[in-house]
Amino acid sequence: MPVGLGLVAVLLHLLIRSLGKEFYLTQLTMAVYYAIVVMGLSLVMGYAGQVSLGQGAFFAMGGYTAAILTTHDFSAYQTAAWMETLKGMHIFVSRPGLYGGEVTAMTPWASFFVAMMLTAGMAFVIGYPSLRLKGHYLAMATLGFGLIIHKIVVGSSLAGAADGINGVPEWNLGGALTISGKTPLRVTNYYVACGLAVVVLIFLRNLIRSRVGRALQAIHDRELAANAMGIPTAAYKLKVFVLSALLAAVAGVFFTHYTGGIGPSEAGALKSVRYVALCAAGGMANLWGVTILSVLVNFMSLRGWFGSYDHAVFGLLLIAMITWCPQGPLKPVGRWIRRWSSRRAGGEELGR
């Protein structure tokens, strides 16, 4: 499955290049990062049987943490002993500012790890009490958390208020791999995003096929029976929720460095609802369906193909998918291929 996704990414790039529309890769890269958020959510919804309406907030938490730490000027602490120590550890670095002069800011790698720790801690605080209760307490708790994060970023000057944060520096991953929205790096960033998605797919597939995955499936199907068999359901659900939050934050950090900024719309409740809808329409537990549908729909939305009717077309598409393909769009396609193959095999037998 992951190898197939990588092959699709290469073929798609070759097709776009042959059509002379390589600028499509910009929106495709962004769509892949959004799809990673939905892939993590599929673990929560499709296997743990929970609904999280806070994926947008976790995405924004990762992105805003990286943006603030890499753009805020810490020059006021330039003479402090601890600053010199952190500079020696390559946690802080001095670089030219946007408007001239020199600023001291955290390096992208250091801000990435800070974002991960902050997201994991917040996810644990939210999930620990919510996942020990029955019903949709997690959905309500994450919805409230998302609304709080949105209000904080809109009302905070540190987060750029309604304008968001711009001027986020590029992120060198090592060698020639640099996360940046510059045109010469468009193809590289496309493959970095696709590579990250493939890694996430491999990790999630192995997790699902492991003992943990079987336990999650048991929790999703019959939680009471799983409890009776000695499976620590609350602990498993909490770990999966924290993992999905971390995946959303990872996508947020990469997305922010790629676009060079982030705005408060990424933390909006509508974003989280959109992720849930895409996960449901893709089949929840169907990683292939969730990934492909997320990339496709987000790409069309980012390209603005439907204009002002974007939300209406998006809603109608999701309603149609959930109505006729509740297990994801790839299930009917797979059944059709199997029927066609069996009929063809039967016809060859009769011909003999």
Protein backbone atom coordinates (compact mmCIF):
# COMPACT_ATOMS: atom_id res chain seq x y z
CA MET A 1 0.00 0.00 0.00
CA PRO A 2 2.67 2.63 0.86
CA VAL A 3 4.70 1.63 -2.22
CA GLY A 4 1.58 2.08 -4.32
CA LEU A 5 1.05 5.55 -2.90
CA GLY A 6 4.63 6.49 -3.73
CA LEU A 7 4.16 5.22 -7.29
CA VAL A 8 0.96 7.25 -7.63
CA ALA A 9 2.82 10.37 -6.43
CA VAL A 10 5.53 9.89 -9.07
CA LEU A 11 3.03 9.22 -11.88
CA LEU A 12 0.98 12.24 -10.84
CA HIS A 13 4.04 14.46 -10.96
CA LEU A 14 4.98 13.17 -14.41
CA LEU A 15 1.44 13.77 -15.65
CA ILE A 16 1.35 17.32 -14.29
CA ARG A 17 4.75 18.08 -15.81
CA SER A 18 3.70 16.73 -19.20
CA LEU A 19 0.65 19.03 -19.11
CA GLY A 20 2.83 22.02 -18.32
CA LYS A 21 1.03 22.69 -15.02
CA GLU A 22 3.80 22.04 -12.52
CA PHE A 23 2.50 24.93 -10.42
CA TYR A 24 -0.22 22.50 -9.30
CA LEU A 25 2.42 20.90 -7.08
CA THR A 26 2.11 23.80 -4.64
CA GLN A 27 -1.52 23.01 -3.82
CA LEU A 28 -0.86 19.26 -3.98
CA THR A 29 1.88 19.60 -1.36
CA MET A 30 -0.45 21.53 0.94
CA ALA A 31 -3.20 18.95 0.35
CA VAL A 32 -0.85 16.12 1.35
CA TYR A 33 -0.05 17.85 4.64
CA TYR A 34 -3.78 18.23 5.32
CA ALA A 35 -4.24 14.55 4.47
CA ILE A 36 -1.72 13.55 7.16
CA VAL A 37 -4.01 15.18 9.73
CA VAL A 38 -6.94 13.09 8.48
CA MET A 39 -4.82 9.93 8.48
CA GLY A 40 -4.12 10.41 12.18
CA LEU A 41 -7.80 11.10 12.80
CA SER A 42 -8.74 7.84 11.08
CA LEU A 43 -6.90 6.01 13.85
CA VAL A 44 -9.06 7.73 16.46
CA MET A 45 -12.39 7.39 14.62
CA GLY A 46 -11.93 4.18 12.67
CA TYR A 47 -10.23 2.09 15.35
CA ALA A 48 -10.64 3.66 18.78
CA GLY A 49 -14.25 4.61 18.03
CA GLN A 50 -13.86 8.23 19.22
CA VAL A 51 -14.58 11.56 17.55
CA SER A 52 -12.11 14.43 17.86
CA LEU A 53 -13.10 17.93 16.82
CA GLY A 54 -9.76 19.41 17.77
CA GLN A 55 -7.46 18.28 14.95
CA GLY A 56 -7.45 21.80 13.52
CA ALA A 57 -6.36 23.16 16.89
CA PHE A 58 -3.50 20.65 17.16
CA PHE A 59 -2.46 21.46 13.58
CA ALA A 60 -2.45 25.16 14.47
CA MET A 61 -0.63 24.50 17.75
CA GLY A 62 2.23 22.86 15.89
CA GLY A 63 2.31 25.54 13.21
CA TYR A 64 2.00 28.53 15.54
CA THR A 65 4.61 27.18 17.96
CA ALA A 66 7.10 26.79 15.13
CA ALA A 67 6.19 30.20 13.67
CA ILE A 68 6.46 32.09 16.96
CA LEU A 69 9.72 30.52 18.10
CA THR A 70 11.45 30.93 14.73
CA THR A 71 10.33 34.53 14.12
CA HIS A 72 10.26 36.09 17.59
CA ASP A 73 13.37 38.14 18.38
CA PHE A 74 15.06 36.98 21.58
CA SER A 75 17.86 39.57 21.26
CA ALA A 76 16.89 41.07 24.62
CA TYR A 77 18.46 37.98 26.21
CA GLN A 78 21.55 38.14 24.00
CA THR A 79 23.97 38.69 26.91
CA ALA A 80 22.44 36.06 29.20
CA ALA A 81 24.64 33.09 30.02
CA TRP A 82 21.90 30.60 29.23
CA MET A 83 21.45 32.13 25.76
CA GLU A 84 25.12 31.57 24.98
CA THR A 85 24.78 27.98 26.14
CA LEU A 86 21.69 27.40 23.96
CA LYS A 87 23.44 28.97 20.99
CA GLY A 88 26.31 26.58 21.48
CA MET A 89 23.79 23.73 21.39
CA HIS A 90 22.31 25.14 18.14
CA ILE A 91 18.94 25.70 19.77
CA PHE A 92 19.07 29.45 19.07
CA VAL A 93 20.74 31.18 16.15
CA SER A 94 21.35 34.76 15.02
CA ARG A 95 20.22 35.58 11.48
CA PRO A 96 19.28 38.62 9.37
CA GLY A 97 15.83 40.04 10.11
CA LEU A 98 13.11 40.78 7.58
CA TYR A 99 13.56 44.52 7.96
CA GLY A 100 17.33 44.65 8.34
CA GLY A 101 19.47 44.13 11.39
CA GLU A 102 20.05 40.86 13.16
CA VAL A 103 17.58 38.81 15.19
CA THR A 104 18.07 35.90 17.56
CA ALA A 105 15.49 33.15 17.15
CA MET A 106 15.07 29.46 17.79
CA THR A 107 16.16 27.06 15.06
CA PRO A 108 13.44 25.17 13.14
CA TRP A 109 14.56 21.80 14.50
CA ALA A 110 14.42 23.02 18.11
CA SER A 111 11.02 24.65 17.60
CA PHE A 112 9.77 21.40 16.05
CA PHE A 113 10.60 19.41 19.19
CA VAL A 114 9.08 22.12 21.41
CA ALA A 115 5.89 21.95 19.33
CA MET A 116 5.76 18.17 19.72
CA MET A 117 6.20 18.30 23.49
CA LEU A 118 3.62 21.07 23.89
CA THR A 119 1.08 19.23 21.70
CA ALA A 120 1.61 15.90 23.46
CA GLY A 121 1.18 17.54 26.87
CA MET A 122 -2.00 19.37 25.85
CA ALA A 123 -3.47 16.26 24.21
CA PHE A 124 -2.80 14.28 27.38
CA VAL A 125 -4.46 16.93 29.55
CA ILE A 126 -7.57 16.94 27.35
CA GLY A 127 -7.75 13.23 26.66
CA TYR A 128 -7.03 11.85 30.14
CA PRO A 129 -10.36 12.85 31.74
CA SER A 130 -12.45 12.73 28.54
CA LEU A 131 -11.54 9.22 27.42
CA ARG A 132 -12.48 7.71 30.77
CA LEU A 133 -16.09 8.72 30.23
CA LYS A 134 -18.63 7.21 27.85
CA GLY A 135 -20.31 9.06 25.03
CA HIS A 136 -19.01 12.01 23.06
CA TYR A 137 -17.15 13.74 25.88
CA LEU A 138 -13.95 13.76 23.81
CA ALA A 139 -15.74 15.48 20.93
CA MET A 140 -17.10 18.17 23.24
CA ALA A 141 -13.78 18.65 25.03
CA THR A 142 -11.80 18.93 21.78
CA LEU A 143 -14.38 21.29 20.28
CA GLY A 144 -14.05 23.56 23.28
CA PHE A 145 -10.27 23.33 23.10
CA GLY A 146 -10.35 24.30 19.42
CA LEU A 147 -12.51 27.34 20.13
CA ILE A 148 -10.13 28.43 22.89
CA ILE A 149 -7.06 28.09 20.65
CA HIS A 150 -8.79 30.08 17.91
CA LYS A 151 -9.67 32.90 20.29
CA ILE A 152 -6.13 32.95 21.71
CA VAL A 153 -4.43 33.29 18.32
CA VAL A 154 -6.92 35.92 17.11
CA GLY A 155 -6.51 38.00 20.27
CA SER A 156 -2.77 37.61 20.77
CA SER A 157 -0.30 40.06 19.27
CA LEU A 158 2.46 37.47 19.72
CA ALA A 159 0.55 35.20 17.32
CA GLY A 160 -0.08 38.03 14.87
CA ALA A 161 -3.76 38.39 15.86
CA ALA A 162 -6.11 38.20 12.83
CA ASP A 163 -3.22 38.61 10.38
CA GLY A 164 -1.36 35.53 11.54
CA ILE A 165 2.42 35.16 11.29
CA ASN A 166 4.48 35.62 8.14
CA GLY A 167 8.18 35.43 7.41
CA VAL A 168 8.68 31.95 8.86
CA PRO A 169 12.18 30.85 7.75
CA GLU A 170 12.87 27.82 5.61
CA TRP A 171 13.73 24.57 7.35
CA ASN A 172 16.76 22.60 6.26
CA LEU A 173 16.15 18.93 7.05
CA GLY A 174 19.66 17.98 6.04
CA GLY A 175 21.55 17.95 2.79
CA ALA A 176 19.52 19.29 -0.12
CA LEU A 177 16.16 18.78 1.61
CA THR A 178 14.77 22.17 2.56
CA ILE A 179 11.17 22.97 3.45
CA SER A 180 10.38 26.18 1.63
CA GLY A 181 7.78 27.58 -0.75
CA LYS A 182 10.38 28.87 -3.19
CA THR A 183 9.66 27.94 -6.81
CA PRO A 184 12.99 26.15 -7.43
CA LEU A 185 12.22 23.87 -4.45
CA ARG A 186 8.65 23.09 -5.54
CA VAL A 187 9.35 19.56 -6.77
CA THR A 188 11.58 18.75 -3.79
CA ASN A 189 8.93 19.87 -1.33
CA TYR A 190 6.27 17.86 -3.13
CA TYR A 191 8.29 14.68 -2.71
CA VAL A 192 9.16 15.54 0.89
CA ALA A 193 5.44 15.84 1.68
CA CYS A 194 4.63 12.61 -0.16
CA GLY A 195 7.53 10.85 1.54
CA LEU A 196 6.28 11.99 4.93
CA ALA A 197 2.80 10.71 4.08
CA VAL A 198 4.23 7.33 3.04
CA VAL A 199 6.18 7.07 6.30
CA VAL A 200 3.00 7.85 8.27
CA LEU A 201 1.09 5.24 6.25
CA ILE A 202 3.71 2.57 6.91
CA PHE A 203 3.70 3.40 10.61
CA LEU A 204 -0.10 3.35 10.88
CA ARG A 205 -0.42 0.14 8.86
CA ASN A 206 2.13 -1.64 11.05
CA LEU A 207 0.40 -0.31 14.16
CA ILE A 208 -2.99 -1.52 12.96
CA ARG A 209 -1.63 -4.98 12.19
CA SER A 210 0.09 -5.28 15.56
CA ARG A 211 -1.28 -6.37 18.91
CA VAL A 212 -2.19 -2.75 19.62
CA GLY A 213 -4.23 -2.58 16.41
CA ARG A 214 -6.16 -5.72 17.29
CA ALA A 215 -6.87 -4.30 20.73
CA LEU A 216 -8.13 -1.06 19.17
CA GLN A 217 -10.38 -3.03 16.82
CA ALA A 218 -11.81 -4.88 19.80
CA ILE A 219 -12.42 -1.58 21.59
CA HIS A 220 -14.16 -0.16 18.53
CA ASP A 221 -16.42 -3.18 18.07
CA ARG A 222 -17.25 -4.09 21.69
CA GLU A 223 -15.69 -1.90 24.36
CA LEU A 224 -17.35 -3.70 27.26
CA ALA A 225 -16.17 -7.08 25.97
CA ALA A 226 -12.65 -5.68 25.49
CA ASN A 227 -12.68 -4.47 29.10
CA ALA A 228 -13.83 -7.88 30.26
CA MET A 229 -10.92 -9.49 28.40
CA GLY A 230 -8.46 -7.31 30.32
CA ILE A 231 -7.67 -4.75 27.60
CA PRO A 232 -6.93 -1.33 29.18
CA THR A 233 -9.34 0.52 26.91
CA ALA A 234 -8.87 3.98 28.44
CA ALA A 235 -5.08 3.77 28.16
CA TYR A 236 -5.22 2.63 24.52
CA LYS A 237 -7.69 5.36 23.56
CA LEU A 238 -5.56 8.00 25.26
CA LYS A 239 -2.38 6.88 23.50
CA VAL A 240 -4.11 6.87 20.12
CA PHE A 241 -5.56 10.31 20.74
CA VAL A 242 -2.15 11.73 21.67
CA LEU A 243 -0.61 10.08 18.60
CA SER A 244 -3.23 11.61 16.29
CA ALA A 245 -2.64 15.02 17.86
CA LEU A 246 1.12 14.66 17.28
CA LEU A 247 0.56 13.76 13.62
CA ALA A 248 -1.60 16.86 13.22
CA ALA A 249 1.11 18.99 14.85
CA VAL A 250 3.82 17.49 12.60
CA ALA A 251 1.75 18.37 9.55
CA GLY A 252 1.21 21.86 10.97
CA VAL A 253 4.94 22.48 11.44
CA PHE A 254 5.84 21.29 7.94
CA PHE A 255 2.93 23.22 6.42
CA THR A 256 3.95 26.45 8.18
CA HIS A 257 7.57 26.28 7.04
CA TYR A 258 6.42 25.42 3.52
CA THR A 259 3.96 28.30 3.19
CA GLY A 260 6.13 30.69 5.20
CA GLY A 261 3.35 31.55 7.62
CA ILE A 262 0.10 30.54 9.29
CA GLY A 263 -3.21 32.24 9.98
CA PRO A 264 -6.00 31.83 12.56
CA SER A 265 -8.28 30.10 10.04
CA GLU A 266 -6.19 26.94 10.52
CA ALA A 267 -7.43 26.76 14.13
CA GLY A 268 -11.08 27.39 13.23
CA ALA A 269 -13.80 24.92 14.19
CA LEU A 270 -14.75 24.56 10.51
CA LYS A 271 -11.33 23.11 9.77
CA SER A 272 -11.76 20.42 12.40
CA VAL A 273 -15.26 19.59 11.15
CA ARG A 274 -13.79 19.34 7.65
CA TYR A 275 -11.19 16.82 8.84
CA VAL A 276 -13.88 14.72 10.53
CA ALA A 277 -16.07 14.81 7.42
CA LEU A 278 -13.18 13.76 5.18
CA CYS A 279 -12.32 10.91 7.53
CA ALA A 280 -15.94 9.70 7.57
CA ALA A 281 -16.30 10.00 3.78
CA GLY A 282 -13.03 8.17 3.19
CA GLY A 283 -14.16 5.18 5.21
CA MET A 284 -12.63 6.01 8.63
CA ALA A 285 -10.72 2.73 9.00
CA ASN A 286 -9.78 2.67 5.30
CA LEU A 287 -6.37 4.37 5.17
CA TRP A 288 -6.24 4.26 1.37
CA GLY A 289 -9.68 5.85 1.01
CA VAL A 290 -9.03 8.47 3.67
CA THR A 291 -5.69 9.50 2.15
CA ILE A 292 -6.76 9.67 -1.49
CA LEU A 293 -10.07 11.42 -0.83
CA SER A 294 -8.41 13.95 1.48
CA VAL A 295 -5.74 14.86 -1.07
CA LEU A 296 -8.25 15.08 -3.92
CA VAL A 297 -10.88 17.19 -2.15
CA ASN A 298 -8.39 19.50 -0.46
CA PHE A 299 -6.56 20.01 -3.75
CA MET A 300 -9.78 21.01 -5.52
CA SER A 301 -10.63 23.34 -2.65
CA LEU A 302 -7.19 24.96 -2.62
CA ARG A 303 -7.32 25.49 -6.38
CA GLY A 304 -10.68 27.24 -5.96
CA TRP A 305 -12.32 25.20 -8.69
CA PHE A 306 -15.80 25.77 -7.25
CA GLY A 307 -15.41 29.46 -6.47
CA SER A 308 -17.85 30.78 -3.88
CA TYR A 309 -19.72 27.44 -3.97
CA ASP A 310 -16.73 25.61 -2.53
CA HIS A 311 -18.34 24.73 0.79
CA ALA A 312 -21.62 23.75 -0.88
CA VAL A 313 -19.96 21.42 -3.40
CA PHE A 314 -17.72 20.05 -0.64
CA GLY A 315 -20.77 19.29 1.51
CA LEU A 316 -22.70 17.65 -1.34
CA LEU A 317 -19.70 15.52 -2.24
CA LEU A 318 -19.32 14.28 1.32
CA ILE A 319 -23.05 13.55 1.65
CA ALA A 320 -22.93 11.52 -1.57
CA MET A 321 -19.87 9.58 -0.44
CA ILE A 322 -21.31 8.77 2.97
CA THR A 323 -24.67 7.79 1.44
CA TRP A 324 -23.41 5.50 -1.33
CA CYS A 325 -19.93 4.59 -0.11
CA PRO A 326 -20.05 4.46 3.70
CA GLN A 327 -16.88 2.34 3.82
CA GLY A 328 -14.95 4.67 1.56
CA PRO A 329 -14.80 5.17 -2.23
CA LEU A 330 -12.24 2.41 -2.80
CA LYS A 331 -14.42 -0.42 -1.47
CA PRO A 332 -16.91 -0.32 -4.41
CA VAL A 333 -14.03 0.02 -6.87
CA GLY A 334 -12.34 -3.04 -5.38
CA ARG A 335 -15.58 -5.05 -5.56
CA TRP A 336 -16.07 -4.03 -9.21
CA ILE A 337 -12.52 -5.08 -10.11
CA ARG A 338 -12.98 -8.47 -8.40
CA ARG A 339 -16.30 -9.06 -10.21
CA TRP A 340 -14.79 -8.08 -13.54
CA SER A 341 -11.83 -10.39 -12.95
CA SER A 342 -14.03 -13.31 -11.97
CA ARG A 343 -16.29 -12.82 -15.00
CA ARG A 344 -13.30 -12.62 -17.28
CA ALA A 345 -11.84 -15.77 -15.76
CA GLY A 346 -15.21 -17.50 -16.15
CA GLY A 347 -15.42 -16.44 -19.79
CA GLU A 348 -11.97 -17.83 -20.53
CA GLU A 349 -12.93 -21.15 -18.94
CA LEU A 350 -16.05 -21.38 -21.15
CA GLY A 351 -13.97 -20.48 -24.20
CA ARG A 352 -11.75 -23.48 -23.56
